[in-house]
Amino acid sequence: MSVRLFVGNLSFHLTDDQLREVFARIGTVERAEVVRDKFDGRSRGFGFVVMDSEDDAALAIRDLNGAEVEGRALRVETATSVRRDARGAAQPFLG
């Protein structure tokens, strides 16, 4: 079963392919995406990686959380679902 990971504190110059490469050293990556601003296309400094298995995801969290990539210490954790209200503010996802 695949696992979606949140990756924070990304360099603003990191591409989707570079993010994929970092995680591919750990295990099989299904998808890697740096989140970009919808108006100007610039990186927002975080992204998501989908690992192929729970074991690969656990290894990625263990080995890459705090690891330095392009001068920044990554924050890697299991992604959680969040709903946004009409203003875009995060609301807890209750189901």
PDB file of N, CA and C in Angstrom:
ATOM      1  N   MET A   1       0.839  -1.182   0.000  1.00  0.00           N
ATOM      2  CA  MET A   1       0.000   0.000   0.000  1.00  0.00           C
ATOM      3  C   MET A   1       0.882   1.243   0.000  1.00  0.00           C
ATOM      4  N   SER A   2       0.575   2.195  -0.866  1.00  0.00           N
ATOM      5  CA  SER A   2       1.384   3.403  -0.962  1.00  0.00           C
ATOM      6  C   SER A   2       1.086   4.348   0.207  1.00  0.00           C
ATOM      7  N   VAL A   3       2.087   5.181   0.512  1.00  0.00           N
ATOM      8  CA  VAL A   3       1.988   6.126   1.629  1.00  0.00           C
ATOM      9  C   VAL A   3       2.401   7.507   1.131  1.00  0.00           C
ATOM     10  N   ARG A   4       1.565   8.501   1.451  1.00  0.00           N
ATOM     11  CA  ARG A   4       1.838   9.882   1.055  1.00  0.00           C
ATOM     12  C   ARG A   4       2.579  10.583   2.185  1.00  0.00           C
ATOM     13  N   LEU A   5       3.702  11.202   1.836  1.00  0.00           N
ATOM     14  CA  LEU A   5       4.528  11.912   2.808  1.00  0.00           C
ATOM     15  C   LEU A   5       4.507  13.411   2.545  1.00  0.00           C
ATOM     16  N   PHE A   6       4.468  14.181   3.606  1.00  0.00           N
ATOM     17  CA  PHE A   6       4.639  15.628   3.532  1.00  0.00           C
ATOM     18  C   PHE A   6       6.128  15.910   3.655  1.00  0.00           C
ATOM     19  N   VAL A   7       6.643  16.803   2.809  1.00  0.00           N
ATOM     20  CA  VAL A   7       8.055  17.184   2.875  1.00  0.00           C
ATOM     21  C   VAL A   7       8.115  18.695   2.966  1.00  0.00           C
ATOM     22  N   GLY A   8       8.584  19.193   4.098  1.00  0.00           N
ATOM     23  CA  GLY A   8       8.656  20.628   4.324  1.00  0.00           C
ATOM     24  C   GLY A   8      10.080  21.144   4.349  1.00  0.00           C
ATOM     25  N   ASN A   9      10.193  22.460   4.338  1.00  0.00           N
ATOM     26  CA  ASN A   9      11.465  23.177   4.374  1.00  0.00           C
ATOM     27  C   ASN A   9      12.318  22.893   3.135  1.00  0.00           C
ATOM     28  N   LEU A  10      11.649  22.798   1.985  1.00  0.00           N
ATOM     29  CA  LEU A  10      12.369  22.565   0.731  1.00  0.00           C
ATOM     30  C   LEU A  10      13.028  23.845   0.235  1.00  0.00           C
ATOM     31  N   SER A  11      14.146  23.693  -0.429  1.00  0.00           N
ATOM     32  CA  SER A  11      14.759  24.808  -1.127  1.00  0.00           C
ATOM     33  C   SER A  11      13.775  25.290  -2.184  1.00  0.00           C
ATOM     34  N   PHE A  12      13.682  26.580  -2.388  1.00  0.00           N
ATOM     35  CA  PHE A  12      12.749  27.135  -3.365  1.00  0.00           C
ATOM     36  C   PHE A  12      13.175  26.855  -4.801  1.00  0.00           C
ATOM     37  N   HIS A  13      14.373  26.289  -4.981  1.00  0.00           N
ATOM     38  CA  HIS A  13      14.867  25.970  -6.328  1.00  0.00           C
ATOM     39  C   HIS A  13      14.717  24.491  -6.671  1.00  0.00           C
ATOM     40  N   LEU A  14      14.288  23.683  -5.716  1.00  0.00           N
ATOM     41  CA  LEU A  14      14.178  22.246  -5.925  1.00  0.00           C
ATOM     42  C   LEU A  14      13.037  21.927  -6.894  1.00  0.00           C
ATOM     43  N   THR A  15      13.292  21.030  -7.850  1.00  0.00           N
ATOM     44  CA  THR A  15      12.280  20.630  -8.826  1.00  0.00           C
ATOM     45  C   THR A  15      11.624  19.316  -8.393  1.00  0.00           C
ATOM     46  N   ASP A  16      10.531  18.962  -9.070  1.00  0.00           N
ATOM     47  CA  ASP A  16       9.868  17.685  -8.819  1.00  0.00           C
ATOM     48  C   ASP A  16      10.840  16.529  -9.029  1.00  0.00           C
ATOM     49  N   ASP A  17      11.601  16.577 -10.109  1.00  0.00           N
ATOM     50  CA  ASP A  17      12.551  15.499 -10.412  1.00  0.00           C
ATOM     51  C   ASP A  17      13.642  15.381  -9.355  1.00  0.00           C
ATOM     52  N   GLN A  18      14.141  16.511  -8.861  1.00  0.00           N
ATOM     53  CA  GLN A  18      15.166  16.474  -7.820  1.00  0.00           C
ATOM     54  C   GLN A  18      14.598  15.909  -6.520  1.00  0.00           C
ATOM     55  N   LEU A  19      13.365  16.267  -6.198  1.00  0.00           N
ATOM     56  CA  LEU A  19      12.714  15.725  -5.009  1.00  0.00           C
ATOM     57  C   LEU A  19      12.560  14.214  -5.156  1.00  0.00           C
ATOM     58  N   ARG A  20      12.144  13.768  -6.323  1.00  0.00           N
ATOM     59  CA  ARG A  20      12.011  12.333  -6.594  1.00  0.00           C
ATOM     60  C   ARG A  20      13.352  11.621  -6.399  1.00  0.00           C
ATOM     61  N   GLU A  21      14.425  12.208  -6.906  1.00  0.00           N
ATOM     62  CA  GLU A  21      15.765  11.598  -6.783  1.00  0.00           C
ATOM     63  C   GLU A  21      16.167  11.400  -5.328  1.00  0.00           C
ATOM     64  N   VAL A  22      15.892  12.388  -4.487  1.00  0.00           N
ATOM     65  CA  VAL A  22      16.253  12.299  -3.067  1.00  0.00           C
ATOM     66  C   VAL A  22      15.572  11.095  -2.428  1.00  0.00           C
ATOM     67  N   PHE A  23      14.286  10.919  -2.694  1.00  0.00           N
ATOM     68  CA  PHE A  23      13.527   9.836  -2.072  1.00  0.00           C
ATOM     69  C   PHE A  23      13.749   8.493  -2.762  1.00  0.00           C
ATOM     70  N   ALA A  24      14.114   8.504  -4.031  1.00  0.00           N
ATOM     71  CA  ALA A  24      14.360   7.253  -4.761  1.00  0.00           C
ATOM     72  C   ALA A  24      15.590   6.523  -4.223  1.00  0.00           C
ATOM     73  N   ARG A  25      16.464   7.216  -3.528  1.00  0.00           N
ATOM     74  CA  ARG A  25      17.620   6.563  -2.896  1.00  0.00           C
ATOM     75  C   ARG A  25      17.173   5.651  -1.758  1.00  0.00           C
ATOM     76  N   ILE A  26      15.977   5.909  -1.234  1.00  0.00           N
ATOM     77  CA  ILE A  26      15.445   5.146  -0.106  1.00  0.00           C
ATOM     78  C   ILE A  26      14.591   3.983  -0.583  1.00  0.00           C
ATOM     79  N   GLY A  27      13.734   4.226  -1.579  1.00  0.00           N
ATOM     80  CA  GLY A  27      12.819   3.191  -2.059  1.00  0.00           C
ATOM     81  C   GLY A  27      12.095   3.645  -3.312  1.00  0.00           C
ATOM     82  N   THR A  28      11.063   2.919  -3.671  1.00  0.00           N
ATOM     83  CA  THR A  28      10.319   3.203  -4.892  1.00  0.00           C
ATOM     84  C   THR A  28       9.372   4.380  -4.677  1.00  0.00           C
ATOM     85  N   VAL A  29       9.492   5.373  -5.551  1.00  0.00           N
ATOM     86  CA  VAL A  29       8.668   6.577  -5.492  1.00  0.00           C
ATOM     87  C   VAL A  29       7.618   6.506  -6.597  1.00  0.00           C
ATOM     88  N   GLU A  30       6.354   6.592  -6.207  1.00  0.00           N
ATOM     89  CA  GLU A  30       5.274   6.622  -7.192  1.00  0.00           C
ATOM     90  C   GLU A  30       5.101   8.020  -7.777  1.00  0.00           C
ATOM     91  N   ARG A  31       5.223   9.039  -6.909  1.00  0.00           N
ATOM     92  CA  ARG A  31       5.029  10.407  -7.362  1.00  0.00           C
ATOM     93  C   ARG A  31       5.742  11.362  -6.412  1.00  0.00           C
ATOM     94  N   ALA A  32       6.272  12.452  -6.959  1.00  0.00           N
ATOM     95  CA  ALA A  32       6.893  13.503  -6.148  1.00  0.00           C
ATOM     96  C   ALA A  32       6.499  14.842  -6.747  1.00  0.00           C
ATOM     97  N   GLU A  33       6.035  15.749  -5.891  1.00  0.00           N
ATOM     98  CA  GLU A  33       5.569  17.041  -6.390  1.00  0.00           C
ATOM     99  C   GLU A  33       5.918  18.146  -5.403  1.00  0.00           C
ATOM    100  N   VAL A  34       6.557  19.189  -5.917  1.00  0.00           N
ATOM    101  CA  VAL A  34       6.792  20.408  -5.148  1.00  0.00           C
ATOM    102  C   VAL A  34       5.561  21.280  -5.358  1.00  0.00           C
ATOM    103  N   VAL A  35       4.949  21.749  -4.287  1.00  0.00           N
ATOM    104  CA  VAL A  35       3.753  22.582  -4.387  1.00  0.00           C
ATOM    105  C   VAL A  35       4.171  23.980  -4.813  1.00  0.00           C
ATOM    106  N   ARG A  36       3.452  24.494  -5.814  1.00  0.00           N
ATOM    107  CA  ARG A  36       3.780  25.805  -6.375  1.00  0.00           C
ATOM    108  C   ARG A  36       2.595  26.755  -6.231  1.00  0.00           C
ATOM    109  N   ASP A  37       2.911  28.044  -6.126  1.00  0.00           N
ATOM    110  CA  ASP A  37       1.882  29.083  -6.047  1.00  0.00           C
ATOM    111  C   ASP A  37       1.083  29.075  -7.347  1.00  0.00           C
ATOM    112  N   LYS A  38      -0.236  29.130  -7.242  1.00  0.00           N
ATOM    113  CA  LYS A  38      -1.067  29.026  -8.445  1.00  0.00           C
ATOM    114  C   LYS A  38      -1.019  30.289  -9.310  1.00  0.00           C
ATOM    115  N   PHE A  39      -0.532  31.391  -8.785  1.00  0.00           N
ATOM    116  CA  PHE A  39      -0.484  32.624  -9.563  1.00  0.00           C
ATOM    117  C   PHE A  39       0.866  32.850 -10.233  1.00  0.00           C
ATOM    118  N   ASP A  40       1.959  32.643  -9.504  1.00  0.00           N
ATOM    119  CA  ASP A  40       3.269  32.941 -10.098  1.00  0.00           C
ATOM    120  C   ASP A  40       4.128  31.706 -10.348  1.00  0.00           C
ATOM    121  N   GLY A  41       3.672  30.532  -9.914  1.00  0.00           N
ATOM    122  CA  GLY A  41       4.398  29.292 -10.199  1.00  0.00           C
ATOM    123  C   GLY A  41       5.622  29.047  -9.340  1.00  0.00           C
ATOM    124  N   ARG A  42       5.892  29.921  -8.376  1.00  0.00           N
ATOM    125  CA  ARG A  42       7.058  29.721  -7.509  1.00  0.00           C
ATOM    126  C   ARG A  42       6.775  28.667  -6.441  1.00  0.00           C
ATOM    127  N   SER A  43       7.828  27.988  -6.049  1.00  0.00           N
ATOM    128  CA  SER A  43       7.713  26.979  -5.004  1.00  0.00           C
ATOM    129  C   SER A  43       7.208  27.610  -3.718  1.00  0.00           C
ATOM    130  N   ARG A  44       6.377  26.846  -3.003  1.00  0.00           N
ATOM    131  CA  ARG A  44       5.891  27.302  -1.693  1.00  0.00           C
ATOM    132  C   ARG A  44       6.741  26.725  -0.568  1.00  0.00           C
ATOM    133  N   GLY A  45       7.798  25.959  -0.910  1.00  0.00           N
ATOM    134  CA  GLY A  45       8.725  25.454   0.100  1.00  0.00           C
ATOM    135  C   GLY A  45       8.332  24.126   0.719  1.00  0.00           C
ATOM    136  N   PHE A  46       7.314  23.477   0.154  1.00  0.00           N
ATOM    137  CA  PHE A  46       6.936  22.153   0.639  1.00  0.00           C
ATOM    138  C   PHE A  46       6.404  21.327  -0.528  1.00  0.00           C
ATOM    139  N   GLY A  47       6.264  20.039  -0.285  1.00  0.00           N
ATOM    140  CA  GLY A  47       5.751  19.169  -1.334  1.00  0.00           C
ATOM    141  C   GLY A  47       5.278  17.851  -0.759  1.00  0.00           C
ATOM    142  N   PHE A  48       4.958  16.931  -1.648  1.00  0.00           N
ATOM    143  CA  PHE A  48       4.465  15.619  -1.256  1.00  0.00           C
ATOM    144  C   PHE A  48       5.154  14.553  -2.081  1.00  0.00           C
ATOM    145  N   VAL A  49       5.441  13.435  -1.429  1.00  0.00           N
ATOM    146  CA  VAL A  49       6.050  12.279  -2.099  1.00  0.00           C
ATOM    147  C   VAL A  49       5.191  11.073  -1.753  1.00  0.00           C
ATOM    148  N   VAL A  50       4.870  10.273  -2.757  1.00  0.00           N
ATOM    149  CA  VAL A  50       4.129   9.039  -2.523  1.00  0.00           C
ATOM    150  C   VAL A  50       5.112   7.885  -2.688  1.00  0.00           C
ATOM    151  N   MET A  51       5.347   7.179  -1.578  1.00  0.00           N
ATOM    152  CA  MET A  51       6.236   6.017  -1.582  1.00  0.00           C
ATOM    153  C   MET A  51       5.409   4.764  -1.842  1.00  0.00           C
ATOM    154  N   ASP A  52       6.023   3.774  -2.472  1.00  0.00           N
ATOM    155  CA  ASP A  52       5.335   2.562  -2.897  1.00  0.00           C
ATOM    156  C   ASP A  52       4.842   1.695  -1.738  1.00  0.00           C
ATOM    157  N   SER A  53       5.552   1.719  -0.618  1.00  0.00           N
ATOM    158  CA  SER A  53       5.173   0.837   0.485  1.00  0.00           C
ATOM    159  C   SER A  53       5.331   1.540   1.833  1.00  0.00           C
ATOM    160  N   GLU A  54       4.700   0.961   2.837  1.00  0.00           N
ATOM    161  CA  GLU A  54       4.817   1.497   4.191  1.00  0.00           C
ATOM    162  C   GLU A  54       6.250   1.383   4.701  1.00  0.00           C
ATOM    163  N   ASP A  55       6.942   0.299   4.333  1.00  0.00           N
ATOM    164  CA  ASP A  55       8.337   0.132   4.750  1.00  0.00           C
ATOM    165  C   ASP A  55       9.220   1.218   4.160  1.00  0.00           C
ATOM    166  N   ASP A  56       9.042   1.509   2.848  1.00  0.00           N
ATOM    167  CA  ASP A  56       9.828   2.569   2.211  1.00  0.00           C
ATOM    168  C   ASP A  56       9.527   3.921   2.846  1.00  0.00           C
ATOM    169  N   ALA A  57       8.256   4.167   3.161  1.00  0.00           N
ATOM    170  CA  ALA A  57       7.877   5.438   3.790  1.00  0.00           C
ATOM    171  C   ALA A  57       8.520   5.577   5.164  1.00  0.00           C
ATOM    172  N   ALA A  58       8.508   4.502   5.949  1.00  0.00           N
ATOM    173  CA  ALA A  58       9.118   4.545   7.285  1.00  0.00           C
ATOM    174  C   ALA A  58      10.619   4.804   7.186  1.00  0.00           C
ATOM    175  N   LEU A  59      11.275   4.176   6.213  1.00  0.00           N
ATOM    176  CA  LEU A  59      12.707   4.418   6.008  1.00  0.00           C
ATOM    177  C   LEU A  59      12.972   5.861   5.589  1.00  0.00           C
ATOM    178  N   ALA A  60      12.122   6.392   4.719  1.00  0.00           N
ATOM    179  CA  ALA A  60      12.283   7.772   4.269  1.00  0.00           C
ATOM    180  C   ALA A  60      12.143   8.746   5.436  1.00  0.00           C
ATOM    181  N   ILE A  61      11.154   8.519   6.279  1.00  0.00           N
ATOM    182  CA  ILE A  61      10.977   9.393   7.451  1.00  0.00           C
ATOM    183  C   ILE A  61      12.193   9.293   8.354  1.00  0.00           C
ATOM    184  N   ARG A  62      12.647   8.077   8.611  1.00  0.00           N
ATOM    185  CA  ARG A  62      13.789   7.874   9.512  1.00  0.00           C
ATOM    186  C   ARG A  62      15.075   8.497   8.954  1.00  0.00           C
ATOM    187  N   ASP A  63      15.328   8.278   7.655  1.00  0.00           N
ATOM    188  CA  ASP A  63      16.600   8.704   7.080  1.00  0.00           C
ATOM    189  C   ASP A  63      16.622  10.137   6.562  1.00  0.00           C
ATOM    190  N   LEU A  64      15.462  10.680   6.180  1.00  0.00           N
ATOM    191  CA  LEU A  64      15.463  11.996   5.537  1.00  0.00           C
ATOM    192  C   LEU A  64      14.924  13.125   6.400  1.00  0.00           C
ATOM    193  N   ASN A  65      14.185  12.816   7.469  1.00  0.00           N
ATOM    194  CA  ASN A  65      13.723  13.877   8.351  1.00  0.00           C
ATOM    195  C   ASN A  65      14.946  14.499   9.034  1.00  0.00           C
ATOM    196  N   GLY A  66      15.177  15.773   8.765  1.00  0.00           N
ATOM    197  CA  GLY A  66      16.345  16.464   9.305  1.00  0.00           C
ATOM    198  C   GLY A  66      17.559  16.434   8.391  1.00  0.00           C
ATOM    199  N   ALA A  67      17.506  15.631   7.322  1.00  0.00           N
ATOM    200  CA  ALA A  67      18.631  15.562   6.375  1.00  0.00           C
ATOM    201  C   ALA A  67      18.722  16.866   5.598  1.00  0.00           C
ATOM    202  N   GLU A  68      19.945  17.277   5.314  1.00  0.00           N
ATOM    203  CA  GLU A  68      20.155  18.523   4.602  1.00  0.00           C
ATOM    204  C   GLU A  68      20.144  18.286   3.092  1.00  0.00           C
ATOM    205  N   VAL A  69      19.304  19.056   2.396  1.00  0.00           N
ATOM    206  CA  VAL A  69      19.223  19.017   0.932  1.00  0.00           C
ATOM    207  C   VAL A  69      19.250  20.459   0.453  1.00  0.00           C
ATOM    208  N   GLU A  70      20.230  20.782  -0.352  1.00  0.00           N
ATOM    209  CA  GLU A  70      20.432  22.142  -0.856  1.00  0.00           C
ATOM    210  C   GLU A  70      20.464  23.168   0.272  1.00  0.00           C
ATOM    211  N   GLY A  71      21.157  22.810   1.359  1.00  0.00           N
ATOM    212  CA  GLY A  71      21.364  23.744   2.462  1.00  0.00           C
ATOM    213  C   GLY A  71      20.200  23.881   3.430  1.00  0.00           C
ATOM    214  N   ARG A  72      19.165  23.038   3.299  1.00  0.00           N
ATOM    215  CA  ARG A  72      18.010  23.129   4.189  1.00  0.00           C
ATOM    216  C   ARG A  72      17.709  21.764   4.788  1.00  0.00           C
ATOM    217  N   ALA A  73      17.385  21.743   6.083  1.00  0.00           N
ATOM    218  CA  ALA A  73      17.049  20.500   6.779  1.00  0.00           C
ATOM    219  C   ALA A  73      15.597  20.146   6.490  1.00  0.00           C
ATOM    220  N   LEU A  74      15.396  19.013   5.815  1.00  0.00           N
ATOM    221  CA  LEU A  74      14.047  18.590   5.442  1.00  0.00           C
ATOM    222  C   LEU A  74      13.207  18.218   6.658  1.00  0.00           C
ATOM    223  N   ARG A  75      11.912  18.420   6.527  1.00  0.00           N
ATOM    224  CA  ARG A  75      10.933  17.933   7.503  1.00  0.00           C
ATOM    225  C   ARG A  75      10.095  16.904   6.750  1.00  0.00           C
ATOM    226  N   VAL A  76      10.166  15.650   7.174  1.00  0.00           N
ATOM    227  CA  VAL A  76       9.466  14.568   6.478  1.00  0.00           C
ATOM    228  C   VAL A  76       8.570  13.850   7.480  1.00  0.00           C
ATOM    229  N   GLU A  77       7.295  13.741   7.143  1.00  0.00           N
ATOM    230  CA  GLU A  77       6.337  13.046   8.007  1.00  0.00           C
ATOM    231  C   GLU A  77       5.184  12.528   7.153  1.00  0.00           C
ATOM    232  N   THR A  78       4.416  11.625   7.716  1.00  0.00           N
ATOM    233  CA  THR A  78       3.245  11.110   7.022  1.00  0.00           C
ATOM    234  C   THR A  78       2.260  12.253   6.824  1.00  0.00           C
ATOM    235  N   ALA A  79       1.752  12.393   5.607  1.00  0.00           N
ATOM    236  CA  ALA A  79       0.803  13.469   5.298  1.00  0.00           C
ATOM    237  C   ALA A  79      -0.537  13.183   5.947  1.00  0.00           C
ATOM    238  N   THR A  80      -1.189  14.245   6.392  1.00  0.00           N
ATOM    239  CA  THR A  80      -2.533  14.119   6.954  1.00  0.00           C
ATOM    240  C   THR A  80      -3.501  14.877   6.070  1.00  0.00           C
ATOM    241  N   SER A  81      -4.738  14.469   6.075  1.00  0.00           N
ATOM    242  CA  SER A  81      -5.765  15.146   5.278  1.00  0.00           C
ATOM    243  C   SER A  81      -6.229  16.396   6.008  1.00  0.00           C
ATOM    244  N   VAL A  82      -6.362  17.475   5.262  1.00  0.00           N
ATOM    245  CA  VAL A  82      -6.826  18.741   5.822  1.00  0.00           C
ATOM    246  C   VAL A  82      -7.844  19.338   4.865  1.00  0.00           C
ATOM    247  N   ARG A  83      -8.943  19.809   5.413  1.00  0.00           N
ATOM    248  CA  ARG A  83      -9.929  20.541   4.615  1.00  0.00           C
ATOM    249  C   ARG A  83      -9.649  22.020   4.724  1.00  0.00           C
ATOM    250  N   ARG A  84     -10.000  22.755   3.687  1.00  0.00           N
ATOM    251  CA  ARG A  84      -9.854  24.211   3.689  1.00  0.00           C
ATOM    252  C   ARG A  84     -11.231  24.848   3.678  1.00  0.00           C
ATOM    253  N   ASP A  85     -11.391  25.929   4.443  1.00  0.00           N
ATOM    254  CA  ASP A  85     -12.670  26.636   4.404  1.00  0.00           C
ATOM    255  C   ASP A  85     -12.665  27.596   3.211  1.00  0.00           C
ATOM    256  N   ALA A  86     -13.701  28.401   3.061  1.00  0.00           N
ATOM    257  CA  ALA A  86     -13.839  29.297   1.915  1.00  0.00           C
ATOM    258  C   ALA A  86     -12.702  30.304   1.817  1.00  0.00           C
ATOM    259  N   ARG A  87     -12.095  30.645   2.946  1.00  0.00           N
ATOM    260  CA  ARG A  87     -10.977  31.605   2.946  1.00  0.00           C
ATOM    261  C   ARG A  87      -9.642  30.924   2.709  1.00  0.00           C
ATOM    262  N   GLY A  88      -9.624  29.591   2.683  1.00  0.00           N
ATOM    263  CA  GLY A  88      -8.374  28.862   2.498  1.00  0.00           C
ATOM    264  C   GLY A  88      -7.729  28.456   3.799  1.00  0.00           C
ATOM    265  N   ALA A  89      -8.356  28.749   4.935  1.00  0.00           N
ATOM    266  CA  ALA A  89      -7.790  28.387   6.233  1.00  0.00           C
ATOM    267  C   ALA A  89      -7.977  26.886   6.479  1.00  0.00           C
ATOM    268  N   ALA A  90      -6.973  26.269   7.057  1.00  0.00           N
ATOM    269  CA  ALA A  90      -7.018  24.834   7.331  1.00  0.00           C
ATOM    270  C   ALA A  90      -8.049  24.512   8.404  1.00  0.00           C
ATOM    271  N   GLN A  91      -8.807  23.462   8.162  1.00  0.00           N
ATOM    272  CA  GLN A  91      -9.795  22.962   9.104  1.00  0.00           C
ATOM    273  C   GLN A  91      -9.512  21.482   9.326  1.00  0.00           C
ATOM    274  N   PRO A  92      -9.690  20.988  10.522  1.00  0.00           N
ATOM    275  CA  PRO A  92      -9.448  19.552  10.754  1.00  0.00           C
ATOM    276  C   PRO A  92     -10.373  18.710   9.888  1.00  0.00           C
ATOM    277  N   PHE A  93      -9.838  17.628   9.363  1.00  0.00           N
ATOM    278  CA  PHE A  93     -10.619  16.711   8.538  1.00  0.00           C
ATOM    279  C   PHE A  93     -11.258  15.688   9.451  1.00  0.00           C
ATOM    280  N   LEU A  94     -12.562  15.645   9.478  1.00  0.00           N
ATOM    281  CA  LEU A  94     -13.268  14.747  10.388  1.00  0.00           C
ATOM    282  C   LEU A  94     -13.923  13.578   9.675  1.00  0.00           C
ATOM    283  N   GLY A  95     -13.695  13.454   8.381  1.00  0.00           N
ATOM    284  CA  GLY A  95     -14.258  12.298   7.687  1.00  0.00           C
ATOM    285  C   GLY A  95     -15.051  12.617   6.487  1.00  0.00           C
TER     286      GLY A  95
END
